[in-house]
């Protein structure tokens, strides 16, 4: 089961999830039953503190990989910012124990398909 949390409408504990939509860890149907997680980041805001907190929770929950959906890239005034934002997100995830091989990115001009 996948749980979607809207940035505008949801809170986890006392923290408001501003600027991102998070999808909690999910067990994938596979022979090894690996765990993967999806984190959606608004490119216009970058990795806000709630994304950092979610990365900690994902690692504690045993996530083996993270797929980052970078939304609203069409709203950036300079497309050269995209690799910088991806680098920030990757650095933040690395500080929480995810290796570059465990992180993948998807760029979405507006909202990413869910």
C-alpha atoms as a PDB file:
ATOM      1  CA  UNK A   1       0.000   0.000   0.000  1.00  0.00           C
ATOM      2  CA  UNK A   2       1.326   3.434  -0.919  1.00  0.00           C
ATOM      3  CA  UNK A   3       0.548   6.421   1.245  1.00  0.00           C
ATOM      4  CA  UNK A   4       0.594   9.852  -0.403  1.00  0.00           C
ATOM      5  CA  UNK A   5       1.056  12.887   1.795  1.00  0.00           C
ATOM      6  CA  UNK A   6       0.173  16.269   0.345  1.00  0.00           C
ATOM      7  CA  UNK A   7       2.419  19.213   1.225  1.00  0.00           C
ATOM      8  CA  UNK A   8      -0.523  21.563   1.549  1.00  0.00           C
ATOM      9  CA  UNK A   9      -2.807  19.282   3.532  1.00  0.00           C
ATOM     10  CA  UNK A  10      -0.804  16.908   5.696  1.00  0.00           C
ATOM     11  CA  UNK A  11       1.429  16.924   8.710  1.00  0.00           C
ATOM     12  CA  UNK A  12       3.623  14.269  10.252  1.00  0.00           C
ATOM     13  CA  UNK A  13       3.753  14.833  13.964  1.00  0.00           C
ATOM     14  CA  UNK A  14       4.200  18.560  14.325  1.00  0.00           C
ATOM     15  CA  UNK A  15       6.206  19.073  11.117  1.00  0.00           C
ATOM     16  CA  UNK A  16       4.390  20.582   8.159  1.00  0.00           C
ATOM     17  CA  UNK A  17       5.526  19.091   4.872  1.00  0.00           C
ATOM     18  CA  UNK A  18       6.130  22.238   2.854  1.00  0.00           C
ATOM     19  CA  UNK A  19       7.157  22.065  -0.769  1.00  0.00           C
ATOM     20  CA  UNK A  20       7.061  18.351  -1.376  1.00  0.00           C
ATOM     21  CA  UNK A  21       4.896  15.296  -1.635  1.00  0.00           C
ATOM     22  CA  UNK A  22       6.315  12.178  -0.073  1.00  0.00           C
ATOM     23  CA  UNK A  23       5.563   8.560  -0.764  1.00  0.00           C
ATOM     24  CA  UNK A  24       6.467   6.307   2.122  1.00  0.00           C
ATOM     25  CA  UNK A  25       8.529   3.099   1.697  1.00  0.00           C
ATOM     26  CA  UNK A  26       6.809   0.298  -0.143  1.00  0.00           C
ATOM     27  CA  UNK A  27       7.663  -3.326  -0.577  1.00  0.00           C
ATOM     28  CA  UNK A  28       8.107  -4.122  -4.246  1.00  0.00           C
ATOM     29  CA  UNK A  29       6.864  -7.433  -5.598  1.00  0.00           C
ATOM     30  CA  UNK A  30      10.070  -9.238  -6.455  1.00  0.00           C
ATOM     31  CA  UNK A  31      11.852 -12.439  -5.605  1.00  0.00           C
ATOM     32  CA  UNK A  32      14.073 -10.610  -3.112  1.00  0.00           C
ATOM     33  CA  UNK A  33      11.223  -8.385  -1.901  1.00  0.00           C
ATOM     34  CA  UNK A  34      13.483  -5.315  -1.884  1.00  0.00           C
ATOM     35  CA  UNK A  35      12.350  -2.036  -0.376  1.00  0.00           C
ATOM     36  CA  UNK A  36      12.251   1.101  -2.469  1.00  0.00           C
ATOM     37  CA  UNK A  37      11.004   4.593  -1.692  1.00  0.00           C
ATOM     38  CA  UNK A  38       9.932   7.579  -3.737  1.00  0.00           C
ATOM     39  CA  UNK A  39      10.505  11.166  -2.650  1.00  0.00           C
ATOM     40  CA  UNK A  40       9.007  14.011  -4.659  1.00  0.00           C
ATOM     41  CA  UNK A  41      10.862  17.325  -4.451  1.00  0.00           C
ATOM     42  CA  UNK A  42       9.594  20.649  -5.788  1.00  0.00           C
ATOM     43  CA  UNK A  43      12.498  22.004  -7.884  1.00  0.00           C
ATOM     44  CA  UNK A  44      11.465  25.581  -7.127  1.00  0.00           C
ATOM     45  CA  UNK A  45      12.108  24.954  -3.414  1.00  0.00           C
ATOM     46  CA  UNK A  46      14.807  22.279  -3.403  1.00  0.00           C
ATOM     47  CA  UNK A  47      15.333  19.808  -0.572  1.00  0.00           C
ATOM     48  CA  UNK A  48      13.417  21.520   2.226  1.00  0.00           C
ATOM     49  CA  UNK A  49      13.915  20.354   5.851  1.00  0.00           C
ATOM     50  CA  UNK A  50      10.954  17.973   5.644  1.00  0.00           C
ATOM     51  CA  UNK A  51      12.752  16.063   2.862  1.00  0.00           C
ATOM     52  CA  UNK A  52      15.798  15.745   5.145  1.00  0.00           C
ATOM     53  CA  UNK A  53      13.602  14.393   7.937  1.00  0.00           C
ATOM     54  CA  UNK A  54      11.968  11.948   5.537  1.00  0.00           C
ATOM     55  CA  UNK A  55      15.373  10.681   4.368  1.00  0.00           C
ATOM     56  CA  UNK A  56      16.225   9.836   7.976  1.00  0.00           C
ATOM     57  CA  UNK A  57      12.913   7.983   8.397  1.00  0.00           C
ATOM     58  CA  UNK A  58      13.375   6.079   5.133  1.00  0.00           C
ATOM     59  CA  UNK A  59      16.815   4.835   6.108  1.00  0.00           C
ATOM     60  CA  UNK A  60      15.574   3.857   9.574  1.00  0.00           C
ATOM     61  CA  UNK A  61      12.688   1.975   7.939  1.00  0.00           C
ATOM     62  CA  UNK A  62      15.164  -0.049   5.877  1.00  0.00           C
ATOM     63  CA  UNK A  63      14.708   1.526   2.441  1.00  0.00           C
ATOM     64  CA  UNK A  64      17.307   0.106   0.075  1.00  0.00           C
ATOM     65  CA  UNK A  65      16.893   2.707  -2.660  1.00  0.00           C
ATOM     66  CA  UNK A  66      15.322   6.091  -3.282  1.00  0.00           C
ATOM     67  CA  UNK A  67      13.753   7.365  -6.493  1.00  0.00           C
ATOM     68  CA  UNK A  68      13.596  11.173  -6.483  1.00  0.00           C
ATOM     69  CA  UNK A  69      10.936  12.820  -8.614  1.00  0.00           C
ATOM     70  CA  UNK A  70      11.962  16.422  -9.247  1.00  0.00           C
ATOM     71  CA  UNK A  71       8.790  18.378 -10.039  1.00  0.00           C
ATOM     72  CA  UNK A  72       8.136  21.792 -11.584  1.00  0.00           C
ATOM     73  CA  UNK A  73      11.458  22.075 -13.399  1.00  0.00           C
ATOM     74  CA  UNK A  74       9.738  24.125 -16.112  1.00  0.00           C
ATOM     75  CA  UNK A  75       9.227  26.886 -13.520  1.00  0.00           C
ATOM     76  CA  UNK A  76      12.957  27.366 -12.931  1.00  0.00           C
ATOM     77  CA  UNK A  77      14.334  30.514 -14.542  1.00  0.00           C
ATOM     78  CA  UNK A  78      17.668  28.837 -15.285  1.00  0.00           C
ATOM     79  CA  UNK A  79      17.735  25.176 -16.414  1.00  0.00           C
ATOM     80  CA  UNK A  80      21.373  24.966 -15.278  1.00  0.00           C
ATOM     81  CA  UNK A  81      20.002  24.867 -11.722  1.00  0.00           C
ATOM     82  CA  UNK A  82      18.570  21.368 -12.241  1.00  0.00           C
ATOM     83  CA  UNK A  83      21.874  19.470 -11.806  1.00  0.00           C
ATOM     84  CA  UNK A  84      22.687  21.646  -8.787  1.00  0.00           C
ATOM     85  CA  UNK A  85      19.362  20.798  -7.136  1.00  0.00           C
ATOM     86  CA  UNK A  86      19.864  17.102  -7.919  1.00  0.00           C
ATOM     87  CA  UNK A  87      23.326  17.359  -6.373  1.00  0.00           C
ATOM     88  CA  UNK A  88      21.894  18.933  -3.209  1.00  0.00           C
ATOM     89  CA  UNK A  89      19.320  16.148  -2.906  1.00  0.00           C
ATOM     90  CA  UNK A  90      21.945  13.462  -3.569  1.00  0.00           C
ATOM     91  CA  UNK A  91      24.298  14.971  -0.957  1.00  0.00           C
ATOM     92  CA  UNK A  92      21.485  15.119   1.581  1.00  0.00           C
ATOM     93  CA  UNK A  93      20.578  11.470   0.914  1.00  0.00           C
ATOM     94  CA  UNK A  94      24.258  10.447   1.078  1.00  0.00           C
ATOM     95  CA  UNK A  95      24.549  12.054   4.514  1.00  0.00           C
ATOM     96  CA  UNK A  96      21.733   9.733   5.561  1.00  0.00           C
ATOM     97  CA  UNK A  97      23.424   6.563   4.334  1.00  0.00           C
ATOM     98  CA  UNK A  98      22.251   6.219   0.724  1.00  0.00           C
ATOM     99  CA  UNK A  99      24.995   5.627  -1.848  1.00  0.00           C
ATOM    100  CA  UNK A 100      24.809   7.187  -5.343  1.00  0.00           C
ATOM    101  CA  UNK A 101      23.940   3.735  -6.716  1.00  0.00           C
ATOM    102  CA  UNK A 102      20.846   3.682  -4.487  1.00  0.00           C
ATOM    103  CA  UNK A 103      19.533   7.034  -5.768  1.00  0.00           C
ATOM    104  CA  UNK A 104      17.781   7.680  -9.077  1.00  0.00           C
ATOM    105  CA  UNK A 105      16.167  10.849 -10.441  1.00  0.00           C
ATOM    106  CA  UNK A 106      13.210  11.634 -12.664  1.00  0.00           C
ATOM    107  CA  UNK A 107      12.694  15.158 -14.000  1.00  0.00           C
ATOM    108  CA  UNK A 108       9.113  16.347 -14.438  1.00  0.00           C
ATOM    109  CA  UNK A 109       8.197  19.679 -16.097  1.00  0.00           C
ATOM    110  CA  UNK A 110       5.123  19.997 -13.846  1.00  0.00           C
ATOM    111  CA  UNK A 111       3.763  17.392 -11.433  1.00  0.00           C
ATOM    112  CA  UNK A 112       5.151  13.891 -11.771  1.00  0.00           C
ATOM    113  CA  UNK A 113       2.690  11.070 -12.430  1.00  0.00           C
ATOM    114  CA  UNK A 114       1.816   9.196  -9.252  1.00  0.00           C
END
